[in-house]
Amino acid sequence: MWFVIFAEDHENSLEGRKQARPAHLERLKALQNDGRLLVAGPCPAIAELDPGVLGFTGSVVIAEFETLEEAEQWANDDPYWQAGVYKKATVKPFNAVLPN
């Protein structure tokens, strides 16, 4: 089943994001290579593709996992936690309806 993972950043987390980004992307690429990633990306602090020094307020990942617990564990193992980027993550089941 698909699950949406919405993680919220601590304020001023841009440097931690930069440091942990390679490891973060490696995990996402593994999901992609397994055909289990629908979409993933950051939420800019402003309505611009590159928010500059304002950074990001969080991240969204929609990926396939066997169970809610597996999705939660995957979210909790993200390198952004160890880097002090994330302050909260919410994981919920997701039904992809469109596009089909």
PDB file of N, CA and C in Angstrom:
ATOM      1  N   MET A   1       0.841  -1.173   0.000  1.00  0.00           N
ATOM      2  CA  MET A   1       0.000   0.000   0.000  1.00  0.00           C
ATOM      3  C   MET A   1       0.886   1.235   0.000  1.00  0.00           C
ATOM      4  N   TRP A   2       0.350   2.301  -0.579  1.00  0.00           N
ATOM      5  CA  TRP A   2       1.042   3.591  -0.544  1.00  0.00           C
ATOM      6  C   TRP A   2       0.852   4.253   0.811  1.00  0.00           C
ATOM      7  N   PHE A   3       1.893   4.976   1.236  1.00  0.00           N
ATOM      8  CA  PHE A   3       1.842   5.766   2.468  1.00  0.00           C
ATOM      9  C   PHE A   3       2.429   7.138   2.179  1.00  0.00           C
ATOM     10  N   VAL A   4       1.819   8.165   2.763  1.00  0.00           N
ATOM     11  CA  VAL A   4       2.377   9.509   2.672  1.00  0.00           C
ATOM     12  C   VAL A   4       3.111   9.786   3.981  1.00  0.00           C
ATOM     13  N   ILE A   5       4.321  10.280   3.829  1.00  0.00           N
ATOM     14  CA  ILE A   5       5.141  10.668   4.977  1.00  0.00           C
ATOM     15  C   ILE A   5       5.332  12.171   4.883  1.00  0.00           C
ATOM     16  N   PHE A   6       4.832  12.882   5.874  1.00  0.00           N
ATOM     17  CA  PHE A   6       5.016  14.333   5.925  1.00  0.00           C
ATOM     18  C   PHE A   6       5.867  14.650   7.142  1.00  0.00           C
ATOM     19  N   ALA A   7       7.063  15.148   6.890  1.00  0.00           N
ATOM     20  CA  ALA A   7       7.987  15.483   7.976  1.00  0.00           C
ATOM     21  C   ALA A   7       8.139  16.996   8.055  1.00  0.00           C
ATOM     22  N   GLU A   8       8.095  17.516   9.262  1.00  0.00           N
ATOM     23  CA  GLU A   8       8.256  18.953   9.498  1.00  0.00           C
ATOM     24  C   GLU A   8       9.651  19.239  10.032  1.00  0.00           C
ATOM     25  N   ASP A   9      10.258  20.302   9.512  1.00  0.00           N
ATOM     26  CA  ASP A   9      11.610  20.699   9.920  1.00  0.00           C
ATOM     27  C   ASP A   9      11.596  21.588  11.154  1.00  0.00           C
ATOM     28  N   HIS A  10      12.690  21.516  11.898  1.00  0.00           N
ATOM     29  CA  HIS A  10      12.979  22.549  12.890  1.00  0.00           C
ATOM     30  C   HIS A  10      13.316  23.833  12.131  1.00  0.00           C
ATOM     31  N   GLU A  11      13.151  24.957  12.756  1.00  0.00           N
ATOM     32  CA  GLU A  11      13.581  26.212  12.149  1.00  0.00           C
ATOM     33  C   GLU A  11      15.097  26.190  11.984  1.00  0.00           C
ATOM     34  N   ASN A  12      15.568  26.897  10.985  1.00  0.00           N
ATOM     35  CA  ASN A  12      17.008  27.024  10.717  1.00  0.00           C
ATOM     36  C   ASN A  12      17.697  25.671  10.531  1.00  0.00           C
ATOM     37  N   SER A  13      17.061  24.790   9.786  1.00  0.00           N
ATOM     38  CA  SER A  13      17.601  23.441   9.595  1.00  0.00           C
ATOM     39  C   SER A  13      18.346  23.271   8.270  1.00  0.00           C
ATOM     40  N   LEU A  14      18.542  24.343   7.531  1.00  0.00           N
ATOM     41  CA  LEU A  14      19.122  24.247   6.190  1.00  0.00           C
ATOM     42  C   LEU A  14      20.512  23.613   6.197  1.00  0.00           C
ATOM     43  N   GLU A  15      21.384  23.979   7.116  1.00  0.00           N
ATOM     44  CA  GLU A  15      22.733  23.404   7.145  1.00  0.00           C
ATOM     45  C   GLU A  15      22.692  21.906   7.422  1.00  0.00           C
ATOM     46  N   GLY A  16      21.827  21.492   8.333  1.00  0.00           N
ATOM     47  CA  GLY A  16      21.677  20.062   8.608  1.00  0.00           C
ATOM     48  C   GLY A  16      21.163  19.309   7.388  1.00  0.00           C
ATOM     49  N   ARG A  17      20.245  19.925   6.660  1.00  0.00           N
ATOM     50  CA  ARG A  17      19.743  19.330   5.419  1.00  0.00           C
ATOM     51  C   ARG A  17      20.875  19.131   4.426  1.00  0.00           C
ATOM     52  N   LYS A  18      21.685  20.164   4.260  1.00  0.00           N
ATOM     53  CA  LYS A  18      22.778  20.076   3.294  1.00  0.00           C
ATOM     54  C   LYS A  18      23.737  18.940   3.652  1.00  0.00           C
ATOM     55  N   GLN A  19      24.038  18.795   4.922  1.00  0.00           N
ATOM     56  CA  GLN A  19      24.990  17.767   5.358  1.00  0.00           C
ATOM     57  C   GLN A  19      24.425  16.360   5.196  1.00  0.00           C
ATOM     58  N   ALA A  20      23.140  16.175   5.499  1.00  0.00           N
ATOM     59  CA  ALA A  20      22.546  14.837   5.486  1.00  0.00           C
ATOM     60  C   ALA A  20      21.900  14.476   4.147  1.00  0.00           C
ATOM     61  N   ARG A  21      21.841  15.418   3.225  1.00  0.00           N
ATOM     62  CA  ARG A  21      21.126  15.198   1.966  1.00  0.00           C
ATOM     63  C   ARG A  21      21.628  13.999   1.167  1.00  0.00           C
ATOM     64  N   PRO A  22      22.930  13.781   1.002  1.00  0.00           N
ATOM     65  CA  PRO A  22      23.361  12.614   0.221  1.00  0.00           C
ATOM     66  C   PRO A  22      22.819  11.289   0.773  1.00  0.00           C
ATOM     67  N   ALA A  23      22.866  11.101   2.070  1.00  0.00           N
ATOM     68  CA  ALA A  23      22.358   9.869   2.680  1.00  0.00           C
ATOM     69  C   ALA A  23      20.835   9.796   2.562  1.00  0.00           C
ATOM     70  N   HIS A  24      20.169  10.934   2.704  1.00  0.00           N
ATOM     71  CA  HIS A  24      18.707  11.011   2.558  1.00  0.00           C
ATOM     72  C   HIS A  24      18.315  10.591   1.142  1.00  0.00           C
ATOM     73  N   LEU A  25      18.988  11.140   0.135  1.00  0.00           N
ATOM     74  CA  LEU A  25      18.672  10.818  -1.253  1.00  0.00           C
ATOM     75  C   LEU A  25      18.991   9.366  -1.590  1.00  0.00           C
ATOM     76  N   GLU A  26      20.007   8.821  -0.990  1.00  0.00           N
ATOM     77  CA  GLU A  26      20.367   7.417  -1.229  1.00  0.00           C
ATOM     78  C   GLU A  26      19.213   6.493  -0.857  1.00  0.00           C
ATOM     79  N   ARG A  27      18.575   6.775   0.262  1.00  0.00           N
ATOM     80  CA  ARG A  27      17.435   5.956   0.701  1.00  0.00           C
ATOM     81  C   ARG A  27      16.261   6.094  -0.257  1.00  0.00           C
ATOM     82  N   LEU A  28      16.025   7.334  -0.727  1.00  0.00           N
ATOM     83  CA  LEU A  28      14.930   7.555  -1.667  1.00  0.00           C
ATOM     84  C   LEU A  28      15.204   6.862  -3.001  1.00  0.00           C
ATOM     85  N   LYS A  29      16.448   6.900  -3.455  1.00  0.00           N
ATOM     86  CA  LYS A  29      16.806   6.234  -4.709  1.00  0.00           C
ATOM     87  C   LYS A  29      16.639   4.724  -4.592  1.00  0.00           C
ATOM     88  N   ALA A  30      16.884   4.174  -3.427  1.00  0.00           N
ATOM     89  CA  ALA A  30      16.668   2.737  -3.218  1.00  0.00           C
ATOM     90  C   ALA A  30      15.187   2.400  -3.387  1.00  0.00           C
ATOM     91  N   LEU A  31      14.307   3.231  -2.828  1.00  0.00           N
ATOM     92  CA  LEU A  31      12.868   3.020  -3.026  1.00  0.00           C
ATOM     93  C   LEU A  31      12.517   3.135  -4.508  1.00  0.00           C
ATOM     94  N   GLN A  32      13.076   4.136  -5.166  1.00  0.00           N
ATOM     95  CA  GLN A  32      12.807   4.351  -6.584  1.00  0.00           C
ATOM     96  C   GLN A  32      13.273   3.147  -7.408  1.00  0.00           C
ATOM     97  N   ASN A  33      14.454   2.652  -7.131  1.00  0.00           N
ATOM     98  CA  ASN A  33      14.990   1.500  -7.860  1.00  0.00           C
ATOM     99  C   ASN A  33      14.142   0.246  -7.664  1.00  0.00           C
ATOM    100  N   ASP A  34      13.475   0.166  -6.517  1.00  0.00           N
ATOM    101  CA  ASP A  34      12.581  -0.961  -6.230  1.00  0.00           C
ATOM    102  C   ASP A  34      11.172  -0.739  -6.781  1.00  0.00           C
ATOM    103  N   GLY A  35      10.932   0.408  -7.427  1.00  0.00           N
ATOM    104  CA  GLY A  35       9.609   0.715  -7.968  1.00  0.00           C
ATOM    105  C   GLY A  35       8.589   1.058  -6.904  1.00  0.00           C
ATOM    106  N   ARG A  36       9.062   1.537  -5.740  1.00  0.00           N
ATOM    107  CA  ARG A  36       8.178   1.797  -4.597  1.00  0.00           C
ATOM    108  C   ARG A  36       8.024   3.282  -4.271  1.00  0.00           C
ATOM    109  N   LEU A  37       8.559   4.164  -5.106  1.00  0.00           N
ATOM    110  CA  LEU A  37       8.486   5.603  -4.831  1.00  0.00           C
ATOM    111  C   LEU A  37       7.556   6.271  -5.834  1.00  0.00           C
ATOM    112  N   LEU A  38       6.523   6.931  -5.332  1.00  0.00           N
ATOM    113  CA  LEU A  38       5.600   7.677  -6.188  1.00  0.00           C
ATOM    114  C   LEU A  38       6.101   9.100  -6.391  1.00  0.00           C
ATOM    115  N   VAL A  39       6.471   9.760  -5.284  1.00  0.00           N
ATOM    116  CA  VAL A  39       6.958  11.142  -5.347  1.00  0.00           C
ATOM    117  C   VAL A  39       7.683  11.459  -4.041  1.00  0.00           C
ATOM    118  N   ALA A  40       8.639  12.372  -4.121  1.00  0.00           N
ATOM    119  CA  ALA A  40       9.347  12.820  -2.919  1.00  0.00           C
ATOM    120  C   ALA A  40       9.924  14.199  -3.186  1.00  0.00           C
ATOM    121  N   GLY A  41       9.938  15.026  -2.169  1.00  0.00           N
ATOM    122  CA  GLY A  41      10.553  16.335  -2.315  1.00  0.00           C
ATOM    123  C   GLY A  41      10.355  17.201  -1.087  1.00  0.00           C
ATOM    124  N   PRO A  42      11.108  18.302  -1.051  1.00  0.00           N
ATOM    125  CA  PRO A  42      11.032  19.221   0.081  1.00  0.00           C
ATOM    126  C   PRO A  42       9.912  20.246  -0.098  1.00  0.00           C
ATOM    127  N   CYS A  43       9.537  20.880   0.993  1.00  0.00           N
ATOM    128  CA  CYS A  43       8.548  21.960   1.000  1.00  0.00           C
ATOM    129  C   CYS A  43       9.298  23.269   1.250  1.00  0.00           C
ATOM    130  N   PRO A  44       9.487  24.088   0.200  1.00  0.00           N
ATOM    131  CA  PRO A  44      10.217  25.344   0.378  1.00  0.00           C
ATOM    132  C   PRO A  44       9.499  26.277   1.352  1.00  0.00           C
ATOM    133  N   ALA A  45      10.280  27.085   2.061  1.00  0.00           N
ATOM    134  CA  ALA A  45       9.720  28.039   3.022  1.00  0.00           C
ATOM    135  C   ALA A  45       8.955  29.165   2.329  1.00  0.00           C
ATOM    136  N   ILE A  46       9.242  29.380   1.048  1.00  0.00           N
ATOM    137  CA  ILE A  46       8.527  30.373   0.244  1.00  0.00           C
ATOM    138  C   ILE A  46       8.159  29.723  -1.086  1.00  0.00           C
ATOM    139  N   ALA A  47       7.268  30.353  -1.833  1.00  0.00           N
ATOM    140  CA  ALA A  47       6.780  29.792  -3.096  1.00  0.00           C
ATOM    141  C   ALA A  47       7.786  30.007  -4.222  1.00  0.00           C
ATOM    142  N   GLU A  48       8.956  29.385  -4.069  1.00  0.00           N
ATOM    143  CA  GLU A  48      10.024  29.436  -5.061  1.00  0.00           C
ATOM    144  C   GLU A  48      10.683  28.058  -5.100  1.00  0.00           C
ATOM    145  N   LEU A  49      11.163  27.650  -6.275  1.00  0.00           N
ATOM    146  CA  LEU A  49      11.880  26.374  -6.363  1.00  0.00           C
ATOM    147  C   LEU A  49      13.135  26.382  -5.514  1.00  0.00           C
ATOM    148  N   ASP A  50      13.830  27.518  -5.498  1.00  0.00           N
ATOM    149  CA  ASP A  50      15.024  27.672  -4.672  1.00  0.00           C
ATOM    150  C   ASP A  50      14.753  28.752  -3.630  1.00  0.00           C
ATOM    151  N   PRO A  51      14.466  28.361  -2.401  1.00  0.00           N
ATOM    152  CA  PRO A  51      14.144  29.343  -1.376  1.00  0.00           C
ATOM    153  C   PRO A  51      15.360  30.049  -0.781  1.00  0.00           C
ATOM    154  N   GLY A  52      16.555  29.716  -1.274  1.00  0.00           N
ATOM    155  CA  GLY A  52      17.766  30.356  -0.765  1.00  0.00           C
ATOM    156  C   GLY A  52      17.968  30.080   0.706  1.00  0.00           C
ATOM    157  N   VAL A  53      18.397  31.094   1.434  1.00  0.00           N
ATOM    158  CA  VAL A  53      18.719  30.926   2.856  1.00  0.00           C
ATOM    159  C   VAL A  53      17.489  30.677   3.723  1.00  0.00           C
ATOM    160  N   LEU A  54      16.284  30.911   3.185  1.00  0.00           N
ATOM    161  CA  LEU A  54      15.068  30.646   3.954  1.00  0.00           C
ATOM    162  C   LEU A  54      14.833  29.154   4.131  1.00  0.00           C
ATOM    163  N   GLY A  55      15.394  28.360   3.225  1.00  0.00           N
ATOM    164  CA  GLY A  55      15.357  26.915   3.382  1.00  0.00           C
ATOM    165  C   GLY A  55      13.994  26.287   3.179  1.00  0.00           C
ATOM    166  N   PHE A  56      13.757  25.247   3.951  1.00  0.00           N
ATOM    167  CA  PHE A  56      12.580  24.405   3.769  1.00  0.00           C
ATOM    168  C   PHE A  56      11.856  24.218   5.101  1.00  0.00           C
ATOM    169  N   THR A  57      10.571  23.876   5.003  1.00  0.00           N
ATOM    170  CA  THR A  57       9.774  23.664   6.211  1.00  0.00           C
ATOM    171  C   THR A  57       9.465  22.201   6.461  1.00  0.00           C
ATOM    172  N   GLY A  58       9.834  21.354   5.513  1.00  0.00           N
ATOM    173  CA  GLY A  58       9.557  19.933   5.675  1.00  0.00           C
ATOM    174  C   GLY A  58       9.767  19.181   4.386  1.00  0.00           C
ATOM    175  N   SER A  59       9.312  17.920   4.393  1.00  0.00           N
ATOM    176  CA  SER A  59       9.449  17.037   3.236  1.00  0.00           C
ATOM    177  C   SER A  59       8.201  16.179   3.107  1.00  0.00           C
ATOM    178  N   VAL A  60       7.939  15.754   1.859  1.00  0.00           N
ATOM    179  CA  VAL A  60       6.847  14.826   1.583  1.00  0.00           C
ATOM    180  C   VAL A  60       7.419  13.646   0.802  1.00  0.00           C
ATOM    181  N   VAL A  61       7.061  12.454   1.226  1.00  0.00           N
ATOM    182  CA  VAL A  61       7.412  11.229   0.510  1.00  0.00           C
ATOM    183  C   VAL A  61       6.132  10.412   0.404  1.00  0.00           C
ATOM    184  N   ILE A  62       5.832   9.932  -0.792  1.00  0.00           N
ATOM    185  CA  ILE A  62       4.753   8.966  -0.975  1.00  0.00           C
ATOM    186  C   ILE A  62       5.406   7.723  -1.552  1.00  0.00           C
ATOM    187  N   ALA A  63       5.359   6.652  -0.776  1.00  0.00           N
ATOM    188  CA  ALA A  63       6.054   5.427  -1.144  1.00  0.00           C
ATOM    189  C   ALA A  63       5.238   4.206  -0.711  1.00  0.00           C
ATOM    190  N   GLU A  64       5.596   3.071  -1.282  1.00  0.00           N
ATOM    191  CA  GLU A  64       4.893   1.829  -1.012  1.00  0.00           C
ATOM    192  C   GLU A  64       5.610   1.017   0.064  1.00  0.00           C
ATOM    193  N   PHE A  65       4.834   0.585   1.055  1.00  0.00           N
ATOM    194  CA  PHE A  65       5.330  -0.270   2.128  1.00  0.00           C
ATOM    195  C   PHE A  65       4.295  -1.342   2.408  1.00  0.00           C
ATOM    196  N   GLU A  66       4.720  -2.436   3.015  1.00  0.00           N
ATOM    197  CA  GLU A  66       3.796  -3.527   3.339  1.00  0.00           C
ATOM    198  C   GLU A  66       2.804  -3.131   4.434  1.00  0.00           C
ATOM    199  N   THR A  67       3.297  -2.380   5.443  1.00  0.00           N
ATOM    200  CA  THR A  67       2.463  -2.046   6.597  1.00  0.00           C
ATOM    201  C   THR A  67       2.733  -0.605   7.038  1.00  0.00           C
ATOM    202  N   LEU A  68       1.822  -0.078   7.823  1.00  0.00           N
ATOM    203  CA  LEU A  68       2.016   1.236   8.424  1.00  0.00           C
ATOM    204  C   LEU A  68       3.268   1.245   9.292  1.00  0.00           C
ATOM    205  N   GLU A  69       3.467   0.170  10.036  1.00  0.00           N
ATOM    206  CA  GLU A  69       4.633   0.093  10.918  1.00  0.00           C
ATOM    207  C   GLU A  69       5.935   0.148  10.124  1.00  0.00           C
ATOM    208  N   GLU A  70       5.970  -0.523   8.980  1.00  0.00           N
ATOM    209  CA  GLU A  70       7.167  -0.492   8.136  1.00  0.00           C
ATOM    210  C   GLU A  70       7.414   0.925   7.605  1.00  0.00           C
ATOM    211  N   ALA A  71       6.346   1.600   7.208  1.00  0.00           N
ATOM    212  CA  ALA A  71       6.473   2.981   6.722  1.00  0.00           C
ATOM    213  C   ALA A  71       6.957   3.904   7.839  1.00  0.00           C
ATOM    214  N   GLU A  72       6.411   3.731   9.041  1.00  0.00           N
ATOM    215  CA  GLU A  72       6.841   4.555  10.170  1.00  0.00           C
ATOM    216  C   GLU A  72       8.301   4.309  10.509  1.00  0.00           C
ATOM    217  N   GLN A  73       8.721   3.050  10.481  1.00  0.00           N
ATOM    218  CA  GLN A  73      10.116   2.731  10.786  1.00  0.00           C
ATOM    219  C   GLN A  73      11.038   3.336   9.741  1.00  0.00           C
ATOM    220  N   TRP A  74      10.654   3.236   8.461  1.00  0.00           N
ATOM    221  CA  TRP A  74      11.458   3.822   7.392  1.00  0.00           C
ATOM    222  C   TRP A  74      11.583   5.327   7.607  1.00  0.00           C
ATOM    223  N   ALA A  75      10.474   5.984   7.941  1.00  0.00           N
ATOM    224  CA  ALA A  75      10.486   7.435   8.184  1.00  0.00           C
ATOM    225  C   ALA A  75      11.380   7.777   9.374  1.00  0.00           C
ATOM    226  N   ASN A  76      11.301   6.997  10.421  1.00  0.00           N
ATOM    227  CA  ASN A  76      12.089   7.268  11.633  1.00  0.00           C
ATOM    228  C   ASN A  76      13.583   7.030  11.452  1.00  0.00           C
ATOM    229  N   ASP A  77      13.957   6.261  10.437  1.00  0.00           N
ATOM    230  CA  ASP A  77      15.365   5.975  10.175  1.00  0.00           C
ATOM    231  C   ASP A  77      16.014   6.993   9.247  1.00  0.00           C
ATOM    232  N   ASP A  78      15.274   8.014   8.839  1.00  0.00           N
ATOM    233  CA  ASP A  78      15.813   8.993   7.893  1.00  0.00           C
ATOM    234  C   ASP A  78      16.998   9.742   8.494  1.00  0.00           C
ATOM    235  N   PRO A  79      18.063   9.939   7.710  1.00  0.00           N
ATOM    236  CA  PRO A  79      19.236  10.676   8.200  1.00  0.00           C
ATOM    237  C   PRO A  79      18.930  12.108   8.650  1.00  0.00           C
ATOM    238  N   TYR A  80      17.850  12.688   8.175  1.00  0.00           N
ATOM    239  CA  TYR A  80      17.501  14.038   8.614  1.00  0.00           C
ATOM    240  C   TYR A  80      17.177  14.091  10.108  1.00  0.00           C
ATOM    241  N   TRP A  81      16.719  12.981  10.691  1.00  0.00           N
ATOM    242  CA  TRP A  81      16.511  12.947  12.150  1.00  0.00           C
ATOM    243  C   TRP A  81      17.844  13.082  12.880  1.00  0.00           C
ATOM    244  N   GLN A  82      18.829  12.299  12.455  1.00  0.00           N
ATOM    245  CA  GLN A  82      20.133  12.323  13.110  1.00  0.00           C
ATOM    246  C   GLN A  82      20.822  13.675  12.941  1.00  0.00           C
ATOM    247  N   ALA A  83      20.509  14.362  11.840  1.00  0.00           N
ATOM    248  CA  ALA A  83      21.102  15.674  11.575  1.00  0.00           C
ATOM    249  C   ALA A  83      20.346  16.809  12.267  1.00  0.00           C
ATOM    250  N   GLY A  84      19.273  16.479  12.993  1.00  0.00           N
ATOM    251  CA  GLY A  84      18.508  17.502  13.700  1.00  0.00           C
ATOM    252  C   GLY A  84      17.617  18.338  12.798  1.00  0.00           C
ATOM    253  N   VAL A  85      17.303  17.842  11.606  1.00  0.00           N
ATOM    254  CA  VAL A  85      16.463  18.585  10.664  1.00  0.00           C
ATOM    255  C   VAL A  85      14.993  18.445  11.029  1.00  0.00           C
ATOM    256  N   TYR A  86      14.540  17.211  11.166  1.00  0.00           N
ATOM    257  CA  TYR A  86      13.115  16.970  11.417  1.00  0.00           C
ATOM    258  C   TYR A  86      12.758  17.143  12.890  1.00  0.00           C
ATOM    259  N   LYS A  87      11.554  17.685  13.120  1.00  0.00           N
ATOM    260  CA  LYS A  87      11.028  17.766  14.478  1.00  0.00           C
ATOM    261  C   LYS A  87       9.791  16.889  14.660  1.00  0.00           C
ATOM    262  N   LYS A  88       9.134  16.537  13.544  1.00  0.00           N
ATOM    263  CA  LYS A  88       7.910  15.746  13.631  1.00  0.00           C
ATOM    264  C   LYS A  88       7.670  15.077  12.287  1.00  0.00           C
ATOM    265  N   ALA A  89       7.161  13.852  12.328  1.00  0.00           N
ATOM    266  CA  ALA A  89       6.774  13.171  11.091  1.00  0.00           C
ATOM    267  C   ALA A  89       5.420  12.502  11.286  1.00  0.00           C
ATOM    268  N   THR A  90       4.604  12.609  10.266  1.00  0.00           N
ATOM    269  CA  THR A  90       3.290  11.971  10.254  1.00  0.00           C
ATOM    270  C   THR A  90       3.259  10.999   9.085  1.00  0.00           C
ATOM    271  N   VAL A  91       2.804   9.782   9.345  1.00  0.00           N
ATOM    272  CA  VAL A  91       2.713   8.756   8.312  1.00  0.00           C
ATOM    273  C   VAL A  91       1.269   8.284   8.251  1.00  0.00           C
ATOM    274  N   LYS A  92       0.694   8.314   7.030  1.00  0.00           N
ATOM    275  CA  LYS A  92      -0.695   7.895   6.850  1.00  0.00           C
ATOM    276  C   LYS A  92      -0.833   7.078   5.573  1.00  0.00           C
ATOM    277  N   PRO A  93      -1.776   6.115   5.575  1.00  0.00           N
ATOM    278  CA  PRO A  93      -2.067   5.399   4.337  1.00  0.00           C
ATOM    279  C   PRO A  93      -2.547   6.385   3.271  1.00  0.00           C
ATOM    280  N   PHE A  94      -2.276   6.039   2.006  1.00  0.00           N
ATOM    281  CA  PHE A  94      -2.603   6.932   0.892  1.00  0.00           C
ATOM    282  C   PHE A  94      -3.160   6.116  -0.269  1.00  0.00           C
ATOM    283  N   ASN A  95      -4.305   6.545  -0.806  1.00  0.00           N
ATOM    284  CA  ASN A  95      -4.882   5.925  -1.982  1.00  0.00           C
ATOM    285  C   ASN A  95      -4.603   6.799  -3.193  1.00  0.00           C
ATOM    286  N   ALA A  96      -3.801   6.314  -4.116  1.00  0.00           N
ATOM    287  CA  ALA A  96      -3.512   7.053  -5.345  1.00  0.00           C
ATOM    288  C   ALA A  96      -4.657   6.812  -6.324  1.00  0.00           C
ATOM    289  N   VAL A  97      -5.451   7.854  -6.597  1.00  0.00           N
ATOM    290  CA  VAL A  97      -6.603   7.747  -7.480  1.00  0.00           C
ATOM    291  C   VAL A  97      -6.287   8.290  -8.872  1.00  0.00           C
ATOM    292  N   LEU A  98      -5.709   9.461  -8.931  1.00  0.00           N
ATOM    293  CA  LEU A  98      -5.367  10.092 -10.207  1.00  0.00           C
ATOM    294  C   LEU A  98      -3.935  10.604 -10.158  1.00  0.00           C
ATOM    295  N   PRO A  99      -3.208  10.679 -11.238  1.00  0.00           N
ATOM    296  CA  PRO A  99      -3.618  10.114 -12.529  1.00  0.00           C
ATOM    297  C   PRO A  99      -3.538   8.597 -12.498  1.00  0.00           C
ATOM    298  N   ASN A 100      -4.223   7.962 -13.427  1.00  0.00           N
ATOM    299  CA  ASN A 100      -4.199   6.488 -13.463  1.00  0.00           C
ATOM    300  C   ASN A 100      -3.705   6.002 -14.792  1.00  0.00           C
TER     301      ASN A 100
END
